[in-house]
């Protein structure tokens, strides 16, 4: 049984098992990556005030969110092209999440079709939607998610156009991989990843494959995905999507109290505070910095998902104490798969649960409801 020391340890191991270009795609952010670092540092800077003499012999991490009982207050955020990090990553992670009873979110840019993913995880899968430029494509993606039976549709609202990610630009990153001596040496130095990729074939963007020209390869699919990215998504589109989607709808990428209030007003079931993991706007505030004002604007009971910089169970507890209803992490789970393979997809889940339970015990919080704003030191920089 694989046990991890920390997410940072998984990250180090991942960097030694997958090609540098792939690791940089997973690990990197926009520009010089100050925004990426800020998400993590702002969480680290928050400090706890623990309560003593509380019976914490039994710790309960169960939570209720969007009408479901979950074993833990966190889930897997959508990450595009996860199958490039390791073949089979999406299916493996979805199954591990289902076994642990936490949600897994498939990206529109996933390398597994939304139908196949739902079959692998019938009860715990969510679908993340990039709203396509072509209305027919956008409508069909929503219809497919509906027909497949997804309970939660998470529409991303913070990608008006592709960002400048300097590591990807430096590496000439793209699908399919562009042959070069540097790439050949990089791939040759990672034999386990190379053999797994050879056995499974080059990953494709399977969910969007039906909308590309017939016979499109990986490069054409990637180009088609980019061409469908749109800066036209606005509140009217979101209202129509709310009218169209019959179940839970979340807007991911909300960072201002005004946008949060508006999303609530048009009937969204929840919002996700997210800056795309620091991958879009380098100068954006940290997500934990945005959380308190958004919670104040939306009221105490409106469901808020927190995403950005989560690398430990302590971070999860901090987000909950600051007002989050539920927490998503992305890179942390793929670090685990890259480090130890899809057969050990549970490693990050187990680690975060163990860390969260230890944190709750130290705080004097035997249940999630016992994690309160009073546990945070109010002079901490993010508050």
Protein backbone atom coordinates (compact mmCIF):
# COMPACT_ATOMS: atom_id res chain seq x y z
CA UNK A 1 0.00 0.00 0.00
CA UNK A 2 1.45 3.34 -1.10
CA UNK A 3 1.51 6.11 1.51
CA UNK A 4 2.60 9.65 0.73
CA UNK A 5 4.42 12.00 3.07
CA UNK A 6 2.94 15.18 1.60
CA UNK A 7 1.62 16.66 -1.64
CA UNK A 8 4.98 18.36 -2.08
CA UNK A 9 6.62 14.93 -1.87
CA UNK A 10 4.23 13.62 -4.55
CA UNK A 11 5.11 16.64 -6.70
CA UNK A 12 8.83 15.88 -6.42
CA UNK A 13 8.28 12.24 -7.31
CA UNK A 14 6.04 13.21 -10.23
CA UNK A 15 8.73 15.49 -11.65
CA UNK A 16 11.06 12.49 -11.86
CA UNK A 17 8.55 10.14 -13.53
CA UNK A 18 7.02 12.20 -16.34
CA UNK A 19 8.71 14.21 -19.11
CA UNK A 20 9.70 17.75 -18.19
CA UNK A 21 7.37 19.23 -20.82
CA UNK A 22 4.39 17.34 -19.35
CA UNK A 23 5.33 18.24 -15.79
CA UNK A 24 5.62 21.91 -16.74
CA UNK A 25 2.16 21.79 -18.33
CA UNK A 26 0.71 20.37 -15.12
CA UNK A 27 2.75 22.42 -12.69
CA UNK A 28 2.95 25.80 -14.41
CA UNK A 29 0.88 28.96 -14.46
CA UNK A 30 0.40 32.22 -16.31
CA UNK A 31 3.30 34.60 -16.91
CA UNK A 32 6.07 34.42 -14.33
CA UNK A 33 3.73 32.43 -12.08
CA UNK A 34 3.42 34.91 -9.22
CA UNK A 35 -0.34 34.29 -9.22
CA UNK A 36 0.22 30.54 -9.00
CA UNK A 37 2.51 31.03 -6.01
CA UNK A 38 0.16 33.57 -4.41
CA UNK A 39 -2.69 31.04 -4.14
CA UNK A 40 -0.50 28.70 -2.10
CA UNK A 41 1.29 31.37 -0.08
CA UNK A 42 -1.94 33.09 0.97
CA UNK A 43 -3.24 29.79 2.33
CA UNK A 44 0.06 29.13 4.09
CA UNK A 45 -0.05 32.60 5.67
CA UNK A 46 -3.40 31.99 7.37
CA UNK A 47 -2.95 30.95 11.00
CA UNK A 48 -5.16 28.91 13.28
CA UNK A 49 -6.31 29.46 16.86
CA UNK A 50 -6.94 25.93 18.19
CA UNK A 51 -9.42 25.16 20.96
CA UNK A 52 -8.32 22.87 23.78
CA UNK A 53 -10.10 20.33 25.98
CA UNK A 54 -12.55 19.18 23.32
CA UNK A 55 -13.41 15.50 22.90
CA UNK A 56 -11.98 14.64 19.48
CA UNK A 57 -11.71 10.88 19.96
CA UNK A 58 -13.98 10.50 16.93
CA UNK A 59 -13.46 12.72 13.88
CA UNK A 60 -16.22 12.91 11.27
CA UNK A 61 -15.32 14.35 7.85
CA UNK A 62 -18.72 13.72 6.24
CA UNK A 63 -20.51 16.65 4.66
CA UNK A 64 -23.71 17.37 2.77
CA UNK A 65 -23.33 19.39 -0.42
CA UNK A 66 -25.78 19.93 -3.28
CA UNK A 67 -28.20 17.38 -1.94
CA UNK A 68 -25.61 14.61 -1.52
CA UNK A 69 -23.81 13.13 1.43
CA UNK A 70 -20.06 13.01 0.78
CA UNK A 71 -17.41 11.23 2.82
CA UNK A 72 -15.16 14.30 2.77
CA UNK A 73 -15.56 18.02 2.02
CA UNK A 74 -13.31 17.96 -1.02
CA UNK A 75 -13.27 16.65 -4.57
CA UNK A 76 -11.23 16.55 -7.75
CA UNK A 77 -11.20 19.71 -9.87
CA UNK A 78 -11.29 19.50 -13.68
CA UNK A 79 -7.90 19.37 -15.39
CA UNK A 80 -7.71 19.25 -19.17
CA UNK A 81 -5.61 16.60 -20.92
CA UNK A 82 -5.09 14.60 -17.72
CA UNK A 83 -4.49 11.48 -19.81
CA UNK A 84 -1.35 13.10 -21.14
CA UNK A 85 0.07 13.26 -17.61
CA UNK A 86 -0.45 9.49 -17.38
CA UNK A 87 -2.55 7.22 -19.62
CA UNK A 88 -5.82 6.27 -17.97
CA UNK A 89 -5.53 8.99 -15.32
CA UNK A 90 -9.11 10.22 -15.66
CA UNK A 91 -10.81 6.83 -15.36
CA UNK A 92 -8.50 5.79 -12.52
CA UNK A 93 -9.09 8.99 -10.59
CA UNK A 94 -12.85 8.87 -11.15
CA UNK A 95 -13.01 5.31 -9.83
CA UNK A 96 -10.84 6.15 -6.82
CA UNK A 97 -13.05 9.15 -6.09
CA UNK A 98 -16.18 7.01 -6.35
CA UNK A 99 -14.70 4.43 -3.98
CA UNK A 100 -13.90 7.20 -1.48
CA UNK A 101 -17.30 8.87 -2.06
CA UNK A 102 -16.00 12.24 -3.24
CA UNK A 103 -16.78 13.90 -6.60
CA UNK A 104 -14.57 13.79 -9.68
CA UNK A 105 -14.95 16.54 -12.31
CA UNK A 106 -14.22 15.72 -15.95
CA UNK A 107 -12.99 18.59 -18.13
CA UNK A 108 -14.41 19.32 -21.57
CA UNK A 109 -10.74 19.08 -22.59
CA UNK A 110 -10.49 15.61 -21.10
CA UNK A 111 -8.97 12.64 -22.87
CA UNK A 112 -11.95 10.47 -21.91
CA UNK A 113 -15.40 11.03 -23.37
CA UNK A 114 -18.00 12.32 -20.95
CA UNK A 115 -20.14 9.23 -21.61
CA UNK A 116 -17.37 6.75 -20.82
CA UNK A 117 -16.36 8.64 -17.69
CA UNK A 118 -19.94 8.57 -16.40
CA UNK A 119 -20.07 4.82 -16.95
CA UNK A 120 -16.89 4.43 -14.88
CA UNK A 121 -18.25 6.60 -12.07
CA UNK A 122 -22.06 6.59 -12.28
CA UNK A 123 -22.81 8.42 -9.03
CA UNK A 124 -19.82 10.67 -8.33
CA UNK A 125 -18.92 12.28 -11.66
CA UNK A 126 -19.40 15.99 -12.40
CA UNK A 127 -18.87 17.58 -15.82
CA UNK A 128 -17.04 20.85 -16.47
CA UNK A 129 -18.20 22.80 -19.52
CA UNK A 130 -16.18 25.17 -21.67
CA UNK A 131 -18.93 27.09 -23.43
CA UNK A 132 -18.17 26.69 -27.14
CA UNK A 133 -18.15 29.52 -29.67
CA UNK A 134 -20.47 27.51 -31.93
CA UNK A 135 -23.93 27.51 -30.25
CA UNK A 136 -24.73 24.12 -31.76
CA UNK A 137 -21.62 22.62 -30.16
CA UNK A 138 -22.39 24.26 -26.83
CA UNK A 139 -25.97 23.00 -26.90
CA UNK A 140 -24.92 19.50 -27.87
CA UNK A 141 -22.34 19.25 -25.08
CA UNK A 142 -25.01 20.25 -22.57
CA UNK A 143 -27.45 17.73 -24.08
CA UNK A 144 -24.85 14.95 -23.92
CA UNK A 145 -24.10 15.71 -20.27
CA UNK A 146 -27.83 15.73 -19.55
CA UNK A 147 -28.43 12.45 -21.39
CA UNK A 148 -25.48 10.83 -19.63
CA UNK A 149 -27.08 11.70 -16.31
CA UNK A 150 -24.57 14.11 -14.80
CA UNK A 151 -26.03 15.71 -11.67
CA UNK A 152 -23.63 18.66 -11.61
CA UNK A 153 -22.64 20.85 -14.56
CA UNK A 154 -19.78 23.22 -13.80
CA UNK A 155 -19.40 25.97 -16.41
CA UNK A 156 -16.02 27.70 -16.50
CA UNK A 157 -16.32 31.48 -16.80
CA UNK A 158 -12.70 32.65 -16.42
CA UNK A 159 -11.17 31.69 -19.79
CA UNK A 160 -12.15 34.44 -22.26
CA UNK A 161 -9.09 33.49 -24.29
CA UNK A 162 -5.97 31.31 -23.92
CA UNK A 163 -3.39 32.59 -21.44
CA UNK A 164 0.34 33.06 -21.90
CA UNK A 165 1.97 30.25 -19.95
CA UNK A 166 5.69 30.79 -20.29
CA UNK A 167 6.75 27.23 -19.52
CA UNK A 168 4.49 25.91 -22.29
CA UNK A 169 5.74 28.56 -24.72
CA UNK A 170 9.37 27.76 -23.87
CA UNK A 171 8.75 24.03 -24.30
CA UNK A 172 6.82 24.53 -27.57
CA UNK A 173 4.09 22.51 -25.89
CA UNK A 174 1.21 21.12 -27.91
CA UNK A 175 -0.57 18.01 -29.16
CA UNK A 176 0.73 16.02 -30.84
CA UNK A 177 4.22 16.49 -29.45
CA UNK A 178 6.51 18.30 -31.87
CA UNK A 179 9.57 16.11 -32.60
CA UNK A 180 12.92 17.48 -31.46
CA UNK A 181 16.14 16.18 -29.98
CA UNK A 182 15.24 17.82 -26.69
CA UNK A 183 11.87 16.05 -26.61
CA UNK A 184 13.43 12.71 -27.56
CA UNK A 185 15.90 12.94 -24.69
CA UNK A 186 13.17 14.07 -22.32
CA UNK A 187 10.90 11.14 -23.19
CA UNK A 188 13.76 8.62 -23.18
CA UNK A 189 14.65 9.64 -19.63
CA UNK A 190 11.16 8.67 -18.42
CA UNK A 191 10.81 5.02 -19.54
CA UNK A 192 7.76 4.10 -17.43
CA UNK A 193 5.73 7.00 -18.83
CA UNK A 194 7.00 6.30 -22.35
CA UNK A 195 6.06 2.62 -22.26
CA UNK A 196 2.62 3.38 -20.81
CA UNK A 197 2.00 5.96 -23.53
CA UNK A 198 3.18 3.60 -26.27
CA UNK A 199 0.83 0.89 -25.01
CA UNK A 200 -2.16 3.24 -24.83
CA UNK A 201 -1.45 5.56 -27.74
CA UNK A 202 -1.29 9.33 -27.92
CA UNK A 203 -4.14 10.93 -25.91
CA UNK A 204 -6.99 12.66 -27.78
CA UNK A 205 -9.60 15.14 -26.64
CA UNK A 206 -12.37 12.56 -26.80
CA UNK A 207 -15.30 14.66 -25.58
CA UNK A 208 -14.87 17.23 -28.35
CA UNK A 209 -13.84 14.71 -31.03
CA UNK A 210 -17.36 14.50 -32.56
CA UNK A 211 -17.26 18.21 -33.44
CA UNK A 212 -13.93 18.23 -35.27
CA UNK A 213 -13.56 17.35 -38.98
CA UNK A 214 -13.80 13.62 -39.62
CA UNK A 215 -10.49 11.83 -39.25
CA UNK A 216 -8.94 14.60 -37.15
CA UNK A 217 -5.80 13.66 -35.29
CA UNK A 218 -4.59 14.98 -31.95
CA UNK A 219 -3.28 18.20 -33.48
CA UNK A 220 -6.53 18.97 -35.30
CA UNK A 221 -8.56 18.23 -32.17
CA UNK A 222 -6.39 20.54 -30.08
CA UNK A 223 -6.69 23.27 -32.71
CA UNK A 224 -10.45 22.79 -32.84
CA UNK A 225 -10.67 23.06 -29.05
CA UNK A 226 -8.73 26.32 -29.17
CA UNK A 227 -10.92 27.68 -31.96
CA UNK A 228 -14.04 27.00 -29.89
CA UNK A 229 -12.74 28.99 -26.92
CA UNK A 230 -14.74 32.17 -26.75
CA UNK A 231 -14.72 35.51 -25.02
CA UNK A 232 -18.43 35.89 -25.79
CA UNK A 233 -19.74 34.03 -22.75
CA UNK A 234 -21.81 36.55 -20.81
CA UNK A 235 -24.64 36.70 -18.28
CA UNK A 236 -27.29 36.14 -20.93
CA UNK A 237 -25.57 32.90 -21.97
CA UNK A 238 -25.44 31.88 -18.32
CA UNK A 239 -29.14 32.63 -17.83
CA UNK A 240 -30.03 30.50 -20.86
CA UNK A 241 -27.84 27.70 -19.55
CA UNK A 242 -29.64 27.93 -16.20
CA UNK A 243 -32.96 27.58 -18.02
CA UNK A 244 -31.64 24.66 -20.07
CA UNK A 245 -29.87 22.62 -17.38
CA UNK A 246 -32.31 20.68 -15.15
CA UNK A 247 -30.01 19.83 -12.28
CA UNK A 248 -27.22 21.47 -10.27
CA UNK A 249 -25.33 24.26 -12.05
CA UNK A 250 -22.10 25.85 -10.79
CA UNK A 251 -20.19 28.80 -12.28
CA UNK A 252 -16.44 28.22 -11.84
CA UNK A 253 -14.14 31.22 -11.92
CA UNK A 254 -16.03 33.74 -9.77
CA UNK A 255 -13.69 36.12 -7.94
CA UNK A 256 -15.75 39.22 -7.10
CA UNK A 257 -18.63 39.69 -4.64
CA UNK A 258 -20.66 41.44 -7.35
CA UNK A 259 -20.39 38.48 -9.72
CA UNK A 260 -21.20 36.09 -6.90
CA UNK A 261 -24.37 38.01 -6.02
CA UNK A 262 -25.43 38.06 -9.66
CA UNK A 263 -24.84 34.32 -10.08
CA UNK A 264 -26.95 33.67 -7.01
CA UNK A 265 -29.69 35.99 -8.29
CA UNK A 266 -30.08 34.15 -11.60
CA UNK A 267 -30.50 30.85 -9.81
CA UNK A 268 -27.14 29.10 -9.92
CA UNK A 269 -26.98 26.36 -7.32
CA UNK A 270 -23.43 27.28 -6.32
CA UNK A 271 -20.38 29.21 -7.40
CA UNK A 272 -16.76 28.12 -7.43
CA UNK A 273 -14.24 30.72 -6.33
CA UNK A 274 -11.34 30.03 -8.68
CA UNK A 275 -8.65 31.81 -10.67
CA UNK A 276 -7.93 28.70 -12.74
CA UNK A 277 -5.09 27.69 -10.45
CA UNK A 278 -3.12 30.80 -11.38
CA UNK A 279 -3.12 29.70 -15.02
CA UNK A 280 -5.02 32.63 -16.58
CA UNK A 281 -4.40 36.06 -14.98
CA UNK A 282 -1.05 36.30 -13.25
CA UNK A 283 -1.95 39.42 -11.28
CA UNK A 284 -5.20 38.04 -9.88
CA UNK A 285 -5.76 38.03 -6.14
CA UNK A 286 -5.46 34.69 -4.37
CA UNK A 287 -8.68 32.73 -4.11
CA UNK A 288 -8.54 32.66 -0.30
CA UNK A 289 -8.31 36.46 -0.39
CA UNK A 290 -11.56 36.58 -2.38
CA UNK A 291 -13.48 34.15 -0.18
CA UNK A 292 -14.47 36.24 2.88
CA UNK A 293 -16.02 39.10 0.89
CA UNK A 294 -17.88 36.69 -1.39
CA UNK A 295 -19.24 34.80 1.61
CA UNK A 296 -20.40 38.08 3.15
CA UNK A 297 -22.10 39.10 -0.11
CA UNK A 298 -23.94 35.82 -0.69
CA UNK A 299 -25.00 35.14 2.88
CA UNK A 300 -24.20 32.30 5.27
CA UNK A 301 -26.04 29.49 3.49
CA UNK A 302 -25.28 29.88 -0.22
CA UNK A 303 -23.09 26.99 -1.47
CA UNK A 304 -19.55 28.13 -2.26
CA UNK A 305 -16.87 25.87 -3.72
CA UNK A 306 -13.26 26.90 -3.08
CA UNK A 307 -10.48 26.11 -5.54
CA UNK A 308 -6.88 27.27 -5.79
CA UNK A 309 -3.57 26.46 -4.10
CA UNK A 310 -4.84 23.53 -2.02
CA UNK A 311 -1.90 21.30 -1.11
CA UNK A 312 -2.83 19.89 2.28
CA UNK A 313 -5.60 18.97 4.66
CA UNK A 314 -4.76 22.11 6.64
CA UNK A 315 -5.49 24.17 3.53
CA UNK A 316 -8.89 22.49 3.24
CA UNK A 317 -9.68 23.31 6.88
CA UNK A 318 -8.59 26.92 6.35
CA UNK A 319 -10.89 27.30 3.36
CA UNK A 320 -13.81 25.85 5.33
CA UNK A 321 -13.11 28.15 8.27
CA UNK A 322 -12.99 31.14 5.92
CA UNK A 323 -16.44 30.38 4.55
CA UNK A 324 -16.20 27.67 1.88
CA UNK A 325 -18.87 24.97 1.72
CA UNK A 326 -16.74 22.55 -0.31
CA UNK A 327 -13.17 22.44 -1.64
CA UNK A 328 -11.65 21.30 -4.94
CA UNK A 329 -8.02 20.47 -5.68
CA UNK A 330 -6.57 19.67 -9.07
CA UNK A 331 -2.81 19.37 -9.42
CA UNK A 332 -2.51 17.51 -6.11
CA UNK A 333 -4.38 14.49 -7.48
CA UNK A 334 -2.42 14.32 -10.73
CA UNK A 335 0.86 14.61 -8.81
CA UNK A 336 -0.23 11.42 -7.04
CA UNK A 337 -0.99 9.55 -10.25
CA UNK A 338 2.20 10.77 -11.95
CA UNK A 339 4.23 9.73 -8.90
CA UNK A 340 2.73 6.29 -8.30
CA UNK A 341 0.64 5.35 -11.33
CA UNK A 342 -3.12 5.03 -11.90
CA UNK A 343 -3.26 1.85 -9.84
CA UNK A 344 -2.55 4.06 -6.81
CA UNK A 345 -4.97 6.84 -7.70
CA UNK A 346 -6.21 6.87 -4.10
CA UNK A 347 -2.90 8.11 -2.67
CA UNK A 348 -3.79 11.82 -2.68
CA UNK A 349 -7.31 11.21 -1.39
CA UNK A 350 -5.99 9.18 1.54
CA UNK A 351 -3.31 11.76 2.32
CA UNK A 352 -5.67 14.74 2.30
CA UNK A 353 -8.19 12.90 4.47
CA UNK A 354 -5.49 11.93 6.97
CA UNK A 355 -4.18 15.51 7.12
CA UNK A 356 -7.67 16.98 7.43
CA UNK A 357 -8.57 14.67 10.31
CA UNK A 358 -5.33 15.51 12.11
CA UNK A 359 -6.01 19.22 11.65
CA UNK A 360 -9.58 18.90 12.94
CA UNK A 361 -8.34 17.11 16.04
CA UNK A 362 -5.77 19.82 16.74
CA UNK A 363 -8.38 22.54 16.24
CA UNK A 364 -10.82 20.90 18.63
CA UNK A 365 -13.33 20.36 15.81
CA UNK A 366 -14.70 16.80 15.79
CA UNK A 367 -17.06 17.57 12.88
CA UNK A 368 -16.88 19.90 9.89
CA UNK A 369 -19.61 22.04 11.43
CA UNK A 370 -17.23 22.69 14.32
CA UNK A 371 -14.68 24.37 12.01
CA UNK A 372 -15.56 28.01 12.53
CA UNK A 373 -14.28 31.45 11.44
CA UNK A 374 -13.15 31.87 15.05
CA UNK A 375 -10.45 29.28 14.37
CA UNK A 376 -8.66 31.77 12.10
CA UNK A 377 -6.39 34.48 13.46
CA UNK A 378 -8.09 37.64 12.20
CA UNK A 379 -4.92 39.62 11.56
CA UNK A 380 -3.76 37.06 9.01
CA UNK A 381 -3.02 38.73 5.69
CA UNK A 382 -5.81 37.12 3.65
CA UNK A 383 -8.47 38.32 6.09
